[in-house]
PDB file of N, CA and C in Angstrom:
ATOM      1  N   UNK A   1     208.807   0.027 222.926  1.00  0.00           N
ATOM      2  CA  UNK A   1     209.605  -1.217 223.519  1.00  0.00           C
ATOM      3  C   UNK A   1     210.882  -0.844 223.334  1.00  0.00           C
ATOM      4  N   UNK A   2     211.633  -1.617 224.522  1.00  0.00           N
ATOM      5  CA  UNK A   2     213.197  -1.641 224.705  1.00  0.00           C
ATOM      6  C   UNK A   2     213.673  -2.604 223.845  1.00  0.00           C
ATOM      7  N   UNK A   3     215.162  -3.029 223.488  1.00  0.00           N
ATOM      8  CA  UNK A   3     215.616  -4.032 222.419  1.00  0.00           C
ATOM      9  C   UNK A   3     215.161  -5.349 223.138  1.00  0.00           C
ATOM     10  N   UNK A   4     215.377  -5.734 224.681  1.00  0.00           N
ATOM     11  CA  UNK A   4     215.223  -6.764 225.071  1.00  0.00           C
ATOM     12  C   UNK A   4     213.463  -7.191 224.471  1.00  0.00           C
ATOM     13  N   UNK A   5     212.437  -6.312 224.736  1.00  0.00           N
ATOM     14  CA  UNK A   5     211.069  -6.663 224.492  1.00  0.00           C
ATOM     15  C   UNK A   5     211.207  -6.712 222.961  1.00  0.00           C
ATOM     16  N   UNK A   6     211.753  -6.185 222.374  1.00  0.00           N
ATOM     17  CA  UNK A   6     211.567  -6.296 220.831  1.00  0.00           C
ATOM     18  C   UNK A   6     212.166  -8.054 220.464  1.00  0.00           C
ATOM     19  N   UNK A   7     213.271  -8.047 220.802  1.00  0.00           N
ATOM     20  CA  UNK A   7     213.757  -9.339 220.707  1.00  0.00           C
ATOM     21  C   UNK A   7     213.125 -10.517 221.375  1.00  0.00           C
ATOM     22  N   UNK A   8     212.458 -10.293 222.271  1.00  0.00           N
ATOM     23  CA  UNK A   8     211.455 -11.375 222.642  1.00  0.00           C
ATOM     24  C   UNK A   8     209.917 -11.439 222.087  1.00  0.00           C
ATOM     25  N   UNK A   9     209.421 -10.183 221.266  1.00  0.00           N
ATOM     26  CA  UNK A   9     207.975 -10.292 220.496  1.00  0.00           C
ATOM     27  C   UNK A   9     208.485 -10.644 219.146  1.00  0.00           C
ATOM     28  N   UNK A  10     209.781 -10.493 218.517  1.00  0.00           N
ATOM     29  CA  UNK A  10     210.062 -10.727 217.354  1.00  0.00           C
ATOM     30  C   UNK A  10     211.299 -11.541 217.330  1.00  0.00           C
ATOM     31  N   UNK A  11     211.171 -12.738 217.684  1.00  0.00           N
ATOM     32  CA  UNK A  11     212.256 -14.134 218.074  1.00  0.00           C
ATOM     33  C   UNK A  11     213.213 -14.127 216.642  1.00  0.00           C
ATOM     34  N   UNK A  12     212.264 -14.357 215.624  1.00  0.00           N
ATOM     35  CA  UNK A  12     212.809 -14.837 214.512  1.00  0.00           C
ATOM     36  C   UNK A  12     213.541 -13.734 213.556  1.00  0.00           C
ATOM     37  N   UNK A  13     213.127 -12.496 213.734  1.00  0.00           N
ATOM     38  CA  UNK A  13     213.698 -11.298 213.270  1.00  0.00           C
ATOM     39  C   UNK A  13     215.394 -11.011 213.923  1.00  0.00           C
ATOM     40  N   UNK A  14     215.052 -11.217 215.487  1.00  0.00           N
ATOM     41  CA  UNK A  14     215.882 -10.763 216.195  1.00  0.00           C
ATOM     42  C   UNK A  14     217.392 -11.641 216.226  1.00  0.00           C
ATOM     43  N   UNK A  15     216.897 -12.727 215.527  1.00  0.00           N
ATOM     44  CA  UNK A  15     218.019 -13.802 215.532  1.00  0.00           C
ATOM     45  C   UNK A  15     218.799 -14.005 214.165  1.00  0.00           C
ATOM     46  N   UNK A  16     218.114 -13.128 213.157  1.00  0.00           N
ATOM     47  CA  UNK A  16     218.505 -12.884 211.665  1.00  0.00           C
ATOM     48  C   UNK A  16     219.804 -12.255 212.039  1.00  0.00           C
ATOM     49  N   UNK A  17     220.691 -12.598 210.987  1.00  0.00           N
ATOM     50  CA  UNK A  17     222.084 -11.868 210.511  1.00  0.00           C
ATOM     51  C   UNK A  17     222.029 -11.187 209.307  1.00  0.00           C
ATOM     52  N   UNK A  18     222.924 -10.620 208.958  1.00  0.00           N
ATOM     53  CA  UNK A  18     222.979  -9.778 207.715  1.00  0.00           C
ATOM     54  C   UNK A  18     223.526 -10.511 206.915  1.00  0.00           C
ATOM     55  N   UNK A  19     224.724 -11.338 207.411  1.00  0.00           N
ATOM     56  CA  UNK A  19     225.122 -12.197 206.402  1.00  0.00           C
ATOM     57  C   UNK A  19     224.121 -13.722 206.019  1.00  0.00           C
ATOM     58  N   UNK A  20     223.010 -13.936 206.871  1.00  0.00           N
ATOM     59  CA  UNK A  20     222.084 -14.904 206.405  1.00  0.00           C
ATOM     60  C   UNK A  20     221.327 -14.187 205.271  1.00  0.00           C
ATOM     61  N   UNK A  21     220.966 -13.001 205.686  1.00  0.00           N
ATOM     62  CA  UNK A  21     219.873 -12.314 204.732  1.00  0.00           C
ATOM     63  C   UNK A  21     220.473 -12.327 203.227  1.00  0.00           C
ATOM     64  N   UNK A  22     222.140 -11.935 203.367  1.00  0.00           N
ATOM     65  CA  UNK A  22     222.649 -11.647 201.956  1.00  0.00           C
ATOM     66  C   UNK A  22     222.745 -12.614 201.199  1.00  0.00           C
ATOM     67  N   UNK A  23     222.896 -14.312 201.939  1.00  0.00           N
ATOM     68  CA  UNK A  23     223.203 -15.570 201.055  1.00  0.00           C
ATOM     69  C   UNK A  23     222.296 -15.760 200.139  1.00  0.00           C
ATOM     70  N   UNK A  24     222.965 -16.217 199.112  1.00  0.00           N
ATOM     71  CA  UNK A  24     222.312 -16.515 197.683  1.00  0.00           C
ATOM     72  C   UNK A  24     220.899 -17.577 198.163  1.00  0.00           C
ATOM     73  N   UNK A  25     221.440 -18.607 199.128  1.00  0.00           N
ATOM     74  CA  UNK A  25     220.050 -19.481 199.312  1.00  0.00           C
ATOM     75  C   UNK A  25     218.894 -18.732 200.392  1.00  0.00           C
ATOM     76  N   UNK A  26     218.904 -17.790 200.716  1.00  0.00           N
ATOM     77  CA  UNK A  26     218.351 -17.418 201.853  1.00  0.00           C
ATOM     78  C   UNK A  26     216.755 -17.372 201.944  1.00  0.00           C
ATOM     79  N   UNK A  27     216.143 -18.058 200.633  1.00  0.00           N
ATOM     80  CA  UNK A  27     214.629 -18.276 200.246  1.00  0.00           C
ATOM     81  C   UNK A  27     214.150 -18.795 201.125  1.00  0.00           C
ATOM     82  N   UNK A  28     214.528 -19.757 202.254  1.00  0.00           N
ATOM     83  CA  UNK A  28     213.865 -20.614 203.186  1.00  0.00           C
ATOM     84  C   UNK A  28     213.957 -19.537 204.352  1.00  0.00           C
ATOM     85  N   UNK A  29     214.773 -18.835 204.845  1.00  0.00           N
ATOM     86  CA  UNK A  29     214.849 -17.864 205.724  1.00  0.00           C
ATOM     87  C   UNK A  29     213.487 -16.911 205.554  1.00  0.00           C
ATOM     88  N   UNK A  30     213.439 -16.303 204.468  1.00  0.00           N
ATOM     89  CA  UNK A  30     212.384 -15.043 204.191  1.00  0.00           C
ATOM     90  C   UNK A  30     211.490 -15.843 204.077  1.00  0.00           C
ATOM     91  N   UNK A  31     210.793 -17.284 203.846  1.00  0.00           N
ATOM     92  CA  UNK A  31     209.847 -17.836 203.749  1.00  0.00           C
ATOM     93  C   UNK A  31     209.413 -17.700 205.279  1.00  0.00           C
ATOM     94  N   UNK A  32     210.245 -18.142 206.046  1.00  0.00           N
ATOM     95  CA  UNK A  32     209.889 -18.489 207.486  1.00  0.00           C
ATOM     96  C   UNK A  32     209.478 -17.025 207.913  1.00  0.00           C
ATOM     97  N   UNK A  33     209.964 -15.774 207.841  1.00  0.00           N
ATOM     98  CA  UNK A  33     210.058 -14.378 208.206  1.00  0.00           C
ATOM     99  C   UNK A  33     208.642 -14.258 207.642  1.00  0.00           C
ATOM    100  N   UNK A  34     208.356 -14.198 206.276  1.00  0.00           N
ATOM    101  CA  UNK A  34     206.821 -13.731 205.563  1.00  0.00           C
ATOM    102  C   UNK A  34     205.837 -14.696 206.325  1.00  0.00           C
ATOM    103  N   UNK A  35     205.869 -15.857 206.722  1.00  0.00           N
ATOM    104  CA  UNK A  35     204.941 -16.642 207.258  1.00  0.00           C
ATOM    105  C   UNK A  35     204.706 -16.432 208.896  1.00  0.00           C
ATOM    106  N   UNK A  36     205.920 -16.069 209.500  1.00  0.00           N
ATOM    107  CA  UNK A  36     205.598 -15.919 210.884  1.00  0.00           C
ATOM    108  C   UNK A  36     205.793 -14.321 211.475  1.00  0.00           C
ATOM    109  N   UNK A  37     206.567 -13.853 210.509  1.00  0.00           N
ATOM    110  CA  UNK A  37     206.915 -12.193 210.932  1.00  0.00           C
ATOM    111  C   UNK A  37     207.112 -11.618 209.904  1.00  0.00           C
ATOM    112  N   UNK A  38     206.284 -11.203 209.181  1.00  0.00           N
ATOM    113  CA  UNK A  38     206.174 -10.570 208.061  1.00  0.00           C
ATOM    114  C   UNK A  38     206.628  -9.094 208.211  1.00  0.00           C
ATOM    115  N   UNK A  39     206.531  -8.526 209.423  1.00  0.00           N
ATOM    116  CA  UNK A  39     207.468  -7.073 209.712  1.00  0.00           C
ATOM    117  C   UNK A  39     207.822  -7.489 211.117  1.00  0.00           C
ATOM    118  N   UNK A  40     209.252  -7.618 211.172  1.00  0.00           N
ATOM    119  CA  UNK A  40     209.772  -8.112 212.311  1.00  0.00           C
ATOM    120  C   UNK A  40     211.198  -7.121 212.585  1.00  0.00           C
ATOM    121  N   UNK A  41     211.637  -7.090 213.901  1.00  0.00           N
ATOM    122  CA  UNK A  41     212.692  -6.374 214.530  1.00  0.00           C
ATOM    123  C   UNK A  41     214.125  -7.047 213.855  1.00  0.00           C
ATOM    124  N   UNK A  42     214.633  -6.154 212.786  1.00  0.00           N
ATOM    125  CA  UNK A  42     216.286  -6.932 212.620  1.00  0.00           C
ATOM    126  C   UNK A  42     217.086  -6.017 213.695  1.00  0.00           C
ATOM    127  N   UNK A  43     217.262  -6.807 214.849  1.00  0.00           N
ATOM    128  CA  UNK A  43     217.836  -6.275 215.914  1.00  0.00           C
ATOM    129  C   UNK A  43     219.602  -6.195 215.418  1.00  0.00           C
ATOM    130  N   UNK A  44     220.014  -7.155 214.675  1.00  0.00           N
ATOM    131  CA  UNK A  44     221.565  -6.551 214.257  1.00  0.00           C
ATOM    132  C   UNK A  44     221.738  -5.290 213.744  1.00  0.00           C
ATOM    133  N   UNK A  45     220.925  -5.008 212.759  1.00  0.00           N
ATOM    134  CA  UNK A  45     221.070  -3.416 212.107  1.00  0.00           C
ATOM    135  C   UNK A  45     219.955  -2.455 212.960  1.00  0.00           C
ATOM    136  N   UNK A  46     219.165  -3.009 213.778  1.00  0.00           N
ATOM    137  CA  UNK A  46     218.223  -2.232 214.427  1.00  0.00           C
ATOM    138  C   UNK A  46     217.493  -1.093 213.692  1.00  0.00           C
ATOM    139  N   UNK A  47     216.688  -2.056 212.970  1.00  0.00           N
ATOM    140  CA  UNK A  47     215.673  -1.467 211.790  1.00  0.00           C
ATOM    141  C   UNK A  47     214.758  -2.671 211.557  1.00  0.00           C
ATOM    142  N   UNK A  48     213.708  -2.093 211.448  1.00  0.00           N
ATOM    143  CA  UNK A  48     212.386  -2.975 210.955  1.00  0.00           C
ATOM    144  C   UNK A  48     212.481  -3.495 209.803  1.00  0.00           C
ATOM    145  N   UNK A  49     212.443  -4.561 209.606  1.00  0.00           N
ATOM    146  CA  UNK A  49     212.511  -5.496 208.297  1.00  0.00           C
ATOM    147  C   UNK A  49     210.980  -5.912 207.860  1.00  0.00           C
ATOM    148  N   UNK A  50     210.585  -5.661 206.566  1.00  0.00           N
ATOM    149  CA  UNK A  50     209.355  -5.904 206.155  1.00  0.00           C
ATOM    150  C   UNK A  50     209.569  -6.977 204.954  1.00  0.00           C
ATOM    151  N   UNK A  51     209.261  -8.166 205.239  1.00  0.00           N
ATOM    152  CA  UNK A  51     209.218  -9.340 204.130  1.00  0.00           C
ATOM    153  C   UNK A  51     208.129  -9.713 203.427  1.00  0.00           C
ATOM    154  N   UNK A  52     206.718  -9.212 203.616  1.00  0.00           N
ATOM    155  CA  UNK A  52     205.530  -9.122 202.991  1.00  0.00           C
ATOM    156  C   UNK A  52     205.678  -8.203 201.840  1.00  0.00           C
ATOM    157  N   UNK A  53     205.671  -8.603 200.263  1.00  0.00           N
ATOM    158  CA  UNK A  53     205.393  -7.660 199.260  1.00  0.00           C
ATOM    159  C   UNK A  53     203.923  -6.957 199.733  1.00  0.00           C
ATOM    160  N   UNK A  54     202.838  -7.294 199.861  1.00  0.00           N
ATOM    161  CA  UNK A  54     201.587  -6.159 200.443  1.00  0.00           C
ATOM    162  C   UNK A  54     202.016  -5.433 201.093  1.00  0.00           C
ATOM    163  N   UNK A  55     203.058  -5.574 202.106  1.00  0.00           N
ATOM    164  CA  UNK A  55     203.104  -4.822 203.460  1.00  0.00           C
ATOM    165  C   UNK A  55     203.925  -3.466 202.918  1.00  0.00           C
ATOM    166  N   UNK A  56     205.149  -4.182 202.196  1.00  0.00           N
ATOM    167  CA  UNK A  56     206.117  -3.157 201.457  1.00  0.00           C
ATOM    168  C   UNK A  56     205.715  -1.992 200.690  1.00  0.00           C
ATOM    169  N   UNK A  57     204.282  -2.610 199.887  1.00  0.00           N
ATOM    170  CA  UNK A  57     203.947  -2.053 198.912  1.00  0.00           C
ATOM    171  C   UNK A  57     202.796  -0.918 199.641  1.00  0.00           C
ATOM    172  N   UNK A  58     202.155  -1.012 200.732  1.00  0.00           N
ATOM    173  CA  UNK A  58     201.657  -0.133 201.551  1.00  0.00           C
ATOM    174  C   UNK A  58     202.355   0.552 202.332  1.00  0.00           C
ATOM    175  N   UNK A  59     203.432   0.479 202.502  1.00  0.00           N
ATOM    176  CA  UNK A  59     204.164   1.551 203.102  1.00  0.00           C
ATOM    177  C   UNK A  59     205.023   2.509 202.157  1.00  0.00           C
ATOM    178  N   UNK A  60     205.044   1.693 200.898  1.00  0.00           N
ATOM    179  CA  UNK A  60     205.792   2.764 199.891  1.00  0.00           C
ATOM    180  C   UNK A  60     204.639   3.518 199.485  1.00  0.00           C
ATOM    181  N   UNK A  61     203.425   3.682 199.639  1.00  0.00           N
ATOM    182  CA  UNK A  61     202.032   4.595 199.564  1.00  0.00           C
ATOM    183  C   UNK A  61     201.748   5.017 200.308  1.00  0.00           C
ATOM    184  N   UNK A  62     202.501   5.420 201.447  1.00  0.00           N
ATOM    185  CA  UNK A  62     202.001   5.937 202.595  1.00  0.00           C
ATOM    186  C   UNK A  62     203.344   6.772 203.401  1.00  0.00           C
ATOM    187  N   UNK A  63     203.929   7.771 202.587  1.00  0.00           N
ATOM    188  CA  UNK A  63     205.215   8.351 202.939  1.00  0.00           C
ATOM    189  C   UNK A  63     205.173   9.137 204.431  1.00  0.00           C
ATOM    190  N   UNK A  64     203.598   9.778 204.514  1.00  0.00           N
ATOM    191  CA  UNK A  64     203.213  10.470 205.788  1.00  0.00           C
ATOM    192  C   UNK A  64     203.277   9.522 207.057  1.00  0.00           C
ATOM    193  N   UNK A  65     203.152   8.231 207.188  1.00  0.00           N
ATOM    194  CA  UNK A  65     203.129   7.438 208.160  1.00  0.00           C
ATOM    195  C   UNK A  65     204.486   6.619 208.331  1.00  0.00           C
ATOM    196  N   UNK A  66     204.997   6.325 207.143  1.00  0.00           N
ATOM    197  CA  UNK A  66     205.905   5.629 207.271  1.00  0.00           C
ATOM    198  C   UNK A  66     207.259   6.289 206.550  1.00  0.00           C
ATOM    199  N   UNK A  67     208.506   6.229 207.381  1.00  0.00           N
ATOM    200  CA  UNK A  67     209.685   6.739 206.488  1.00  0.00           C
ATOM    201  C   UNK A  67     210.833   6.000 207.126  1.00  0.00           C
ATOM    202  N   UNK A  68     212.174   6.165 206.406  1.00  0.00           N
ATOM    203  CA  UNK A  68     213.246   5.368 206.676  1.00  0.00           C
ATOM    204  C   UNK A  68     214.021   6.463 207.078  1.00  0.00           C
ATOM    205  N   UNK A  69     214.468   6.501 208.394  1.00  0.00           N
ATOM    206  CA  UNK A  69     214.953   7.517 209.118  1.00  0.00           C
ATOM    207  C   UNK A  69     216.534   6.854 209.107  1.00  0.00           C
ATOM    208  N   UNK A  70     217.196   6.105 208.522  1.00  0.00           N
ATOM    209  CA  UNK A  70     218.168   5.834 208.706  1.00  0.00           C
ATOM    210  C   UNK A  70     219.302   6.387 207.547  1.00  0.00           C
ATOM    211  N   UNK A  71     220.278   7.033 207.793  1.00  0.00           N
ATOM    212  CA  UNK A  71     220.736   8.187 207.078  1.00  0.00           C
ATOM    213  C   UNK A  71     221.674   6.955 205.707  1.00  0.00           C
ATOM    214  N   UNK A  72     222.068   6.178 206.215  1.00  0.00           N
ATOM    215  CA  UNK A  72     223.056   4.994 204.993  1.00  0.00           C
ATOM    216  C   UNK A  72     221.867   3.969 204.569  1.00  0.00           C
ATOM    217  N   UNK A  73     220.889   4.017 204.919  1.00  0.00           N
ATOM    218  CA  UNK A  73     220.026   2.746 204.406  1.00  0.00           C
ATOM    219  C   UNK A  73     219.961   3.319 202.875  1.00  0.00           C
ATOM    220  N   UNK A  74     220.192   1.799 202.139  1.00  0.00           N
ATOM    221  CA  UNK A  74     220.107   1.842 200.632  1.00  0.00           C
ATOM    222  C   UNK A  74     218.359   2.784 200.336  1.00  0.00           C
ATOM    223  N   UNK A  75     217.371   2.145 200.820  1.00  0.00           N
ATOM    224  CA  UNK A  75     216.322   2.760 200.188  1.00  0.00           C
ATOM    225  C   UNK A  75     216.125   4.174 200.696  1.00  0.00           C
ATOM    226  N   UNK A  76     216.598   4.795 201.411  1.00  0.00           N
ATOM    227  CA  UNK A  76     216.681   6.187 201.659  1.00  0.00           C
ATOM    228  C   UNK A  76     217.729   6.842 200.988  1.00  0.00           C
ATOM    229  N   UNK A  77     218.694   6.270 200.513  1.00  0.00           N
ATOM    230  CA  UNK A  77     219.592   6.767 199.986  1.00  0.00           C
ATOM    231  C   UNK A  77     219.081   6.936 198.499  1.00  0.00           C
ATOM    232  N   UNK A  78     218.126   6.077 197.548  1.00  0.00           N
ATOM    233  CA  UNK A  78     217.726   5.938 196.391  1.00  0.00           C
ATOM    234  C   UNK A  78     216.315   6.819 196.665  1.00  0.00           C
ATOM    235  N   UNK A  79     215.462   6.855 197.385  1.00  0.00           N
ATOM    236  CA  UNK A  79     214.099   7.040 197.272  1.00  0.00           C
ATOM    237  C   UNK A  79     213.686   8.459 198.577  1.00  0.00           C
ATOM    238  N   UNK A  80     214.740   8.935 199.080  1.00  0.00           N
ATOM    239  CA  UNK A  80     214.615   9.773 200.494  1.00  0.00           C
ATOM    240  C   UNK A  80     213.927   9.201 201.553  1.00  0.00           C
ATOM    241  N   UNK A  81     213.686  10.266 202.351  1.00  0.00           N
ATOM    242  CA  UNK A  81     213.342   9.933 203.830  1.00  0.00           C
ATOM    243  C   UNK A  81     211.748   9.696 203.422  1.00  0.00           C
TER     244      UNK A  81
END
């Protein structure tokens, strides 16, 4: 999918900004994402964002299928590719 298709398919995530995620009161935003787009395209950063704990746990347990391929991503810095 190209960026336009991703933004259309994942409209909630495509509209999220980093400043919104970093806010102290981001719980309503995260709840909305978990409910409607637990895996979404975070367009501002050009990465996938996983908000579901169960899905995140699944990703962490399968490094053969799922990788963090963004060099300065905090998760990659701590855990590796």
